[in-house]
Every structure is written in structure tokens, then in C-alpha cells.
C-alpha atoms as a PDB file:
ATOM      1  CA  MET A   1      97.437 241.529 251.317  1.00  0.00           C
ATOM      2  CA  VAL A   2      95.327 243.065 248.671  1.00  0.00           C
ATOM      3  CA  TYR A   3      92.423 245.068 248.939  1.00  0.00           C
ATOM      4  CA  SER A   4      89.800 246.063 246.480  1.00  0.00           C
ATOM      5  CA  GLY A   5      87.257 247.930 246.165  1.00  0.00           C
ATOM      6  CA  LEU A   6      85.574 250.900 243.632  1.00  0.00           C
ATOM      7  CA  THR A   7      86.374 254.687 243.122  1.00  0.00           C
ATOM      8  CA  GLN A   8      83.320 256.956 243.015  1.00  0.00           C
ATOM      9  CA  GLY A   9      83.576 256.586 238.943  1.00  0.00           C
ATOM     10  CA  ASN A  10      83.007 252.913 239.688  1.00  0.00           C
ATOM     11  CA  GLU A  11      86.802 252.081 238.176  1.00  0.00           C
ATOM     12  CA  ALA A  12      88.446 249.416 240.137  1.00  0.00           C
ATOM     13  CA  LEU A  13      90.600 250.390 242.689  1.00  0.00           C
ATOM     14  CA  VAL A  14      93.457 248.097 243.868  1.00  0.00           C
ATOM     15  CA  MET A  15      95.953 248.954 246.971  1.00  0.00           C
ATOM     16  CA  ILE A  16      98.435 246.612 248.296  1.00  0.00           C
ATOM     17  CA  ASP A  17      98.995 246.572 252.460  1.00  0.00           C
ATOM     18  CA  THR A  18     101.498 244.355 253.426  1.00  0.00           C
ATOM     19  CA  THR A  19     104.550 243.843 255.998  1.00  0.00           C
ATOM     20  CA  VAL A  20     108.201 243.752 255.484  1.00  0.00           C
ATOM     21  CA  ASP A  21     110.746 243.270 258.189  1.00  0.00           C
ATOM     22  CA  VAL A  22     113.743 244.990 258.958  1.00  0.00           C
ATOM     23  CA  ILE A  23     116.532 242.107 259.235  1.00  0.00           C
ATOM     24  CA  ASN A  24     119.473 244.685 258.813  1.00  0.00           C
ATOM     25  CA  LYS A  25     122.103 244.955 261.569  1.00  0.00           C
ATOM     26  CA  LEU A  26     121.694 248.401 261.941  1.00  0.00           C
ATOM     27  CA  GLY A  27     118.204 248.776 261.205  1.00  0.00           C
ATOM     28  CA  LEU A  28     116.666 251.632 258.604  1.00  0.00           C
ATOM     29  CA  HIS A  29     119.554 254.371 259.407  1.00  0.00           C
ATOM     30  CA  ALA A  30     120.582 256.941 257.380  1.00  0.00           C
ATOM     31  CA  ARG A  31     122.158 255.033 254.755  1.00  0.00           C
ATOM     32  CA  ALA A  32     119.712 252.069 254.289  1.00  0.00           C
ATOM     33  CA  SER A  33     116.962 255.076 254.190  1.00  0.00           C
ATOM     34  CA  GLY A  34     118.840 256.364 251.297  1.00  0.00           C
ATOM     35  CA  LYS A  35     118.581 253.308 249.333  1.00  0.00           C
ATOM     36  CA  LEU A  36     115.118 253.161 250.376  1.00  0.00           C
ATOM     37  CA  ILE A  37     114.695 256.402 248.809  1.00  0.00           C
ATOM     38  CA  GLU A  38     116.569 255.571 245.380  1.00  0.00           C
ATOM     39  CA  VAL A  39     113.827 252.683 245.011  1.00  0.00           C
ATOM     40  CA  THR A  40     110.376 254.100 246.112  1.00  0.00           C
ATOM     41  CA  THR A  41     111.194 257.297 244.111  1.00  0.00           C
ATOM     42  CA  LYS A  42     111.778 255.492 240.912  1.00  0.00           C
ATOM     43  CA  PHE A  43     107.590 254.689 241.033  1.00  0.00           C
ATOM     44  CA  ARG A  44     104.861 257.073 240.428  1.00  0.00           C
ATOM     45  CA  SER A  45     102.579 255.113 243.129  1.00  0.00           C
ATOM     46  CA  SER A  46     101.889 256.307 246.540  1.00  0.00           C
ATOM     47  CA  ILE A  47     104.238 254.432 248.695  1.00  0.00           C
ATOM     48  CA  GLN A  48     103.755 254.579 252.737  1.00  0.00           C
ATOM     49  CA  ILE A  49     105.603 252.994 255.325  1.00  0.00           C
ATOM     50  CA  GLY A  50     105.116 252.879 259.320  1.00  0.00           C
ATOM     51  CA  LYS A  51     104.094 251.181 262.424  1.00  0.00           C
ATOM     52  CA  GLY A  52     100.699 250.151 262.224  1.00  0.00           C
ATOM     53  CA  ASP A  53      98.409 253.047 261.915  1.00  0.00           C
ATOM     54  CA  LYS A  54     101.041 255.520 261.697  1.00  0.00           C
ATOM     55  CA  LEU A  55     102.469 255.565 257.817  1.00  0.00           C
ATOM     56  CA  VAL A  56     104.796 258.383 256.385  1.00  0.00           C
ATOM     57  CA  ASP A  57     105.656 258.872 252.768  1.00  0.00           C
ATOM     58  CA  ALA A  58     108.116 256.516 251.934  1.00  0.00           C
ATOM     59  CA  LYS A  59     109.574 258.886 249.290  1.00  0.00           C
ATOM     60  CA  ASN A  60     110.682 261.402 252.601  1.00  0.00           C
ATOM     61  CA  ILE A  61     113.872 260.845 253.998  1.00  0.00           C
ATOM     62  CA  MET A  62     113.144 262.799 257.079  1.00  0.00           C
ATOM     63  CA  SER A  63     110.017 260.778 257.612  1.00  0.00           C
ATOM     64  CA  LEU A  64     111.971 257.536 257.417  1.00  0.00           C
ATOM     65  CA  LEU A  65     114.479 258.513 259.524  1.00  0.00           C
ATOM     66  CA  MET A  66     111.564 259.548 262.424  1.00  0.00           C
ATOM     67  CA  LEU A  67     110.395 256.094 262.098  1.00  0.00           C
ATOM     68  CA  GLY A  68     113.266 254.646 264.321  1.00  0.00           C
ATOM     69  CA  ALA A  69     113.044 251.433 262.967  1.00  0.00           C
ATOM     70  CA  GLY A  70     115.818 249.399 264.369  1.00  0.00           C
ATOM     71  CA  LYS A  71     116.550 245.376 263.729  1.00  0.00           C
ATOM     72  CA  GLY A  72     113.281 243.277 264.385  1.00  0.00           C
ATOM     73  CA  THR A  73     110.888 245.959 263.319  1.00  0.00           C
ATOM     74  CA  THR A  74     107.550 245.112 261.492  1.00  0.00           C
ATOM     75  CA  LEU A  75     106.716 247.733 259.104  1.00  0.00           C
ATOM     76  CA  ARG A  76     103.384 248.120 257.500  1.00  0.00           C
ATOM     77  CA  LEU A  77     103.748 249.011 253.928  1.00  0.00           C
ATOM     78  CA  VAL A  78     100.704 250.152 251.657  1.00  0.00           C
ATOM     79  CA  LEU A  79     101.197 250.682 247.848  1.00  0.00           C
ATOM     80  CA  GLU A  80      98.448 252.313 245.698  1.00  0.00           C
ATOM     81  CA  GLY A  81      99.504 253.295 241.933  1.00  0.00           C
ATOM     82  CA  THR A  82      99.682 251.471 238.684  1.00  0.00           C
ATOM     83  CA  ASP A  83     102.852 250.417 239.686  1.00  0.00           C
ATOM     84  CA  GLU A  84     102.390 249.293 242.556  1.00  0.00           C
ATOM     85  CA  GLU A  85     103.236 245.387 242.242  1.00  0.00           C
ATOM     86  CA  GLN A  86     106.892 246.358 240.571  1.00  0.00           C
ATOM     87  CA  ALA A  87     107.542 248.555 243.348  1.00  0.00           C
ATOM     88  CA  LEU A  88     106.585 246.126 246.373  1.00  0.00           C
ATOM     89  CA  PHE A  89     108.856 243.734 244.501  1.00  0.00           C
ATOM     90  CA  GLU A  90     111.660 246.274 244.464  1.00  0.00           C
ATOM     91  CA  ILE A  91     110.888 247.266 248.017  1.00  0.00           C
ATOM     92  CA  GLN A  92     110.675 243.629 249.227  1.00  0.00           C
ATOM     93  CA  ALA A  93     113.956 242.638 247.467  1.00  0.00           C
ATOM     94  CA  LEU A  94     115.993 245.602 248.966  1.00  0.00           C
ATOM     95  CA  PHE A  95     114.741 244.578 252.534  1.00  0.00           C
ATOM     96  CA  ALA A  96     115.439 240.927 252.304  1.00  0.00           C
ATOM     97  CA  ALA A  97     118.965 241.926 250.788  1.00  0.00           C
ATOM     98  CA  LYS A  98     119.414 243.824 254.043  1.00  0.00           C
ATOM     99  CA  PHE A  99     119.927 247.270 252.048  1.00  0.00           C
ATOM    100  CA  TYR A 100     123.067 245.198 250.744  1.00  0.00           C
ATOM    101  CA  GLU A 101     125.512 246.304 253.865  1.00  0.00           C
ATOM    102  CA  ALA A 102     127.885 243.782 255.254  1.00  0.00           C
ATOM    103  CA  ASP A 103     126.975 241.940 258.193  1.00  0.00           C
END
């Protein structure tokens, strides 16, 4: 989903708010979280991930590990910034590839 609105200076504000499913066998464990950090830290956009309204910084390894997101978890992903669409594309690709782990 994409939401839009106006900032105080009447500039267009776009934010991506969507979900991703954890489908790899071990969930968002340390190695998978490290791979996610490698992707998220490449972007200037604010990237938050979490369960429902409990969102954490997707560029912080400790925050990701504290989510306790096992296989089958649906995570909310909120991106905001100039490169949010490319960030979303790369994050979705990482999740779809099961973090490039063997089954």
C-alpha cells in the first residue's frame, strides 16, 4: 500500500506501508537479520519493520532480533524517503529468496 499526503510546506509526502512474510525455515535469526541489515543500510530512507503497531528500526540488528519473527510471521514494513521504492524491491527480493539460505 502507498499512502500520500502533504507536509507542512505543501510538498508531496509519499510513504510505503506494506507487509512481508517470513518464509525461510529459521525465521529472522541472526544471520538473516545480518543480511537484512546489509540491504537496509544501503538506503537513505527510513525503514521500519515489525508486528502491527510495534515497529523497529530495520537498520538496527538488536531491534530485528528482538522481534522474534519465526517462519510464518507476517511483518509490517514502512518505508519513507527518496529511495523507498528501490529499498522495498530489494527487501522483498531478500525475503522471497529466503535470505539465500539452504532449506
